[in-house]
Amino acid sequence: MKTPVFTYEASVAIAEEPAKKMEVVVTPYPFVILGRDWLSEYYLLLDGPDQQFQISKNPQKGQET
């Protein structure tokens, strides 16, 4: 079964990066869900044990692939 949803245009920015317009869906959650279309431009580092999260345009030293 398909459920129709309304989408909206929003501008999202991180730190000093320019805002990027994207299509969003409103949810009842107190946080956002970002898709790969937006995240594919960034490097993400999740450190679960220390509950740390980093996002950047360049890989962190020692994290290059």
N, C-alpha and C. Protein backbone atom coordinates (compact mmCIF):
# COMPACT_ATOMS: atom_id res chain seq x y z
N MET A 1 0.83 -1.18 0.00
CA MET A 1 0.00 0.00 0.00
C MET A 1 0.88 1.24 0.00
N LYS A 2 0.61 2.17 -0.86
CA LYS A 2 1.37 3.41 -0.93
C LYS A 2 0.67 4.49 -0.13
N THR A 3 1.46 5.28 0.58
CA THR A 3 0.93 6.39 1.35
C THR A 3 1.46 7.70 0.76
N PRO A 4 0.59 8.57 0.31
CA PRO A 4 1.08 9.84 -0.24
C PRO A 4 1.60 10.73 0.88
N VAL A 5 2.64 11.49 0.58
CA VAL A 5 3.21 12.44 1.55
C VAL A 5 3.45 13.78 0.85
N PHE A 6 3.46 14.83 1.63
CA PHE A 6 3.77 16.15 1.12
C PHE A 6 5.27 16.39 1.31
N THR A 7 5.89 17.00 0.34
CA THR A 7 7.30 17.35 0.45
C THR A 7 7.43 18.86 0.42
N TYR A 8 8.53 19.34 1.00
CA TYR A 8 8.80 20.76 1.10
C TYR A 8 10.24 21.02 0.69
N GLU A 9 10.53 22.24 0.27
CA GLU A 9 11.91 22.61 -0.02
C GLU A 9 12.49 23.27 1.23
N ALA A 10 13.68 22.84 1.61
CA ALA A 10 14.36 23.40 2.77
C ALA A 10 15.81 23.64 2.42
N SER A 11 16.44 24.57 3.13
CA SER A 11 17.87 24.81 2.98
C SER A 11 18.58 24.24 4.19
N VAL A 12 19.58 23.41 3.94
CA VAL A 12 20.33 22.75 5.02
C VAL A 12 21.80 23.13 4.88
N ALA A 13 22.42 23.51 6.00
CA ALA A 13 23.84 23.88 5.97
C ALA A 13 24.55 23.29 7.18
N ILE A 14 25.84 23.02 7.00
CA ILE A 14 26.69 22.53 8.08
C ILE A 14 27.85 23.51 8.22
N ALA A 15 28.07 23.98 9.44
CA ALA A 15 29.18 24.88 9.76
C ALA A 15 29.28 26.02 8.74
N GLU A 16 30.45 26.19 8.13
CA GLU A 16 30.65 27.30 7.20
C GLU A 16 30.28 26.94 5.76
N GLU A 17 29.76 25.76 5.52
CA GLU A 17 29.38 25.37 4.17
C GLU A 17 28.15 26.15 3.74
N PRO A 18 28.06 26.47 2.45
CA PRO A 18 26.86 27.17 1.98
C PRO A 18 25.63 26.26 2.09
N ALA A 19 24.49 26.86 2.30
CA ALA A 19 23.25 26.10 2.41
C ALA A 19 22.94 25.41 1.09
N LYS A 20 22.40 24.21 1.18
CA LYS A 20 22.02 23.44 0.00
C LYS A 20 20.51 23.20 0.06
N LYS A 21 19.82 23.53 -1.03
CA LYS A 21 18.38 23.30 -1.08
C LYS A 21 18.12 21.82 -1.33
N MET A 22 17.12 21.30 -0.63
CA MET A 22 16.78 19.89 -0.80
C MET A 22 15.29 19.69 -0.53
N GLU A 23 14.78 18.57 -1.02
CA GLU A 23 13.39 18.21 -0.79
C GLU A 23 13.31 17.42 0.52
N VAL A 24 12.37 17.79 1.39
CA VAL A 24 12.24 17.14 2.69
C VAL A 24 10.81 16.67 2.92
N VAL A 25 10.69 15.72 3.84
CA VAL A 25 9.40 15.21 4.27
C VAL A 25 9.29 15.46 5.77
N VAL A 26 8.20 15.98 6.23
CA VAL A 26 7.99 16.22 7.66
C VAL A 26 7.66 14.90 8.34
N THR A 27 8.30 14.67 9.50
CA THR A 27 8.04 13.46 10.29
C THR A 27 7.71 13.87 11.72
N PRO A 28 7.20 12.96 12.52
CA PRO A 28 6.90 13.28 13.92
C PRO A 28 8.12 13.19 14.83
N TYR A 29 9.29 12.92 14.28
CA TYR A 29 10.50 12.73 15.09
C TYR A 29 11.18 14.06 15.41
N PRO A 30 11.89 14.13 16.55
CA PRO A 30 12.58 15.38 16.92
C PRO A 30 13.98 15.47 16.31
N PHE A 31 14.20 14.81 15.19
CA PHE A 31 15.50 14.85 14.52
C PHE A 31 15.27 14.72 13.02
N VAL A 32 16.32 14.92 12.25
CA VAL A 32 16.19 14.82 10.80
C VAL A 32 16.80 13.52 10.31
N ILE A 33 16.36 13.09 9.16
CA ILE A 33 16.91 11.92 8.50
C ILE A 33 17.48 12.41 7.18
N LEU A 34 18.79 12.28 7.01
CA LEU A 34 19.45 12.74 5.79
C LEU A 34 19.72 11.56 4.87
N GLY A 35 19.45 11.74 3.59
CA GLY A 35 19.67 10.68 2.62
C GLY A 35 21.06 10.74 2.02
N ARG A 36 21.39 9.69 1.27
CA ARG A 36 22.70 9.61 0.63
C ARG A 36 22.89 10.70 -0.42
N ASP A 37 21.80 11.20 -0.99
CA ASP A 37 21.94 12.27 -1.97
C ASP A 37 22.60 13.50 -1.35
N TRP A 38 22.42 13.71 -0.07
CA TRP A 38 23.03 14.84 0.63
C TRP A 38 24.34 14.42 1.30
N LEU A 39 24.33 13.26 1.94
CA LEU A 39 25.51 12.80 2.69
C LEU A 39 26.67 12.40 1.80
N SER A 40 26.43 12.07 0.54
CA SER A 40 27.51 11.60 -0.33
C SER A 40 28.59 12.65 -0.57
N GLU A 41 28.33 13.90 -0.22
CA GLU A 41 29.31 14.97 -0.39
C GLU A 41 30.22 15.14 0.83
N TYR A 42 30.01 14.35 1.87
CA TYR A 42 30.73 14.54 3.13
C TYR A 42 31.37 13.25 3.61
N TYR A 43 32.35 13.40 4.48
CA TYR A 43 32.96 12.28 5.20
C TYR A 43 32.34 12.25 6.58
N LEU A 44 31.90 11.07 7.00
CA LEU A 44 31.27 10.91 8.30
C LEU A 44 32.11 9.99 9.17
N LEU A 45 32.25 10.35 10.44
CA LEU A 45 32.97 9.51 11.39
C LEU A 45 32.10 9.35 12.63
N LEU A 46 31.71 8.11 12.90
CA LEU A 46 30.89 7.81 14.07
C LEU A 46 31.73 7.01 15.05
N ASP A 47 31.89 7.54 16.25
CA ASP A 47 32.63 6.87 17.33
C ASP A 47 31.61 6.50 18.40
N GLY A 48 31.01 5.32 18.25
CA GLY A 48 29.97 4.88 19.16
C GLY A 48 30.36 4.83 20.63
N PRO A 49 31.51 4.20 20.98
CA PRO A 49 31.87 4.12 22.39
C PRO A 49 32.01 5.50 23.07
N ASP A 50 32.52 6.49 22.34
CA ASP A 50 32.67 7.83 22.92
C ASP A 50 31.48 8.74 22.60
N GLN A 51 30.47 8.20 21.92
CA GLN A 51 29.28 8.93 21.53
C GLN A 51 29.64 10.25 20.84
N GLN A 52 30.53 10.14 19.85
CA GLN A 52 30.98 11.30 19.07
C GLN A 52 30.59 11.10 17.61
N PHE A 53 30.29 12.20 16.94
CA PHE A 53 29.95 12.18 15.52
C PHE A 53 30.63 13.37 14.86
N GLN A 54 31.35 13.12 13.76
CA GLN A 54 32.02 14.20 13.04
C GLN A 54 31.61 14.14 11.57
N ILE A 55 31.44 15.30 10.98
CA ILE A 55 31.14 15.39 9.55
C ILE A 55 32.02 16.48 8.97
N SER A 56 32.62 16.21 7.80
CA SER A 56 33.52 17.18 7.18
C SER A 56 33.55 16.98 5.68
N LYS A 57 34.09 17.96 4.97
CA LYS A 57 34.26 17.87 3.52
C LYS A 57 35.51 17.06 3.17
N ASN A 58 36.46 16.96 4.09
CA ASN A 58 37.71 16.24 3.87
C ASN A 58 37.87 15.14 4.90
N PRO A 59 38.51 14.02 4.53
CA PRO A 59 38.69 12.95 5.52
C PRO A 59 39.60 13.42 6.65
N GLN A 60 39.33 12.93 7.85
CA GLN A 60 40.17 13.24 9.00
C GLN A 60 41.51 12.53 8.86
N LYS A 61 42.56 13.11 9.37
CA LYS A 61 43.89 12.51 9.30
C LYS A 61 43.85 11.09 9.85
N GLY A 62 44.36 10.14 9.07
CA GLY A 62 44.37 8.74 9.49
C GLY A 62 43.11 7.99 9.13
N GLN A 63 42.12 8.67 8.53
CA GLN A 63 40.85 8.04 8.17
C GLN A 63 40.67 7.90 6.67
N GLU A 64 41.69 8.23 5.87
CA GLU A 64 41.55 8.16 4.42
C GLU A 64 41.33 6.73 3.98
N THR A 65 40.57 6.57 2.88
CA THR A 65 40.33 5.23 2.34
C THR A 65 41.14 5.01 1.10
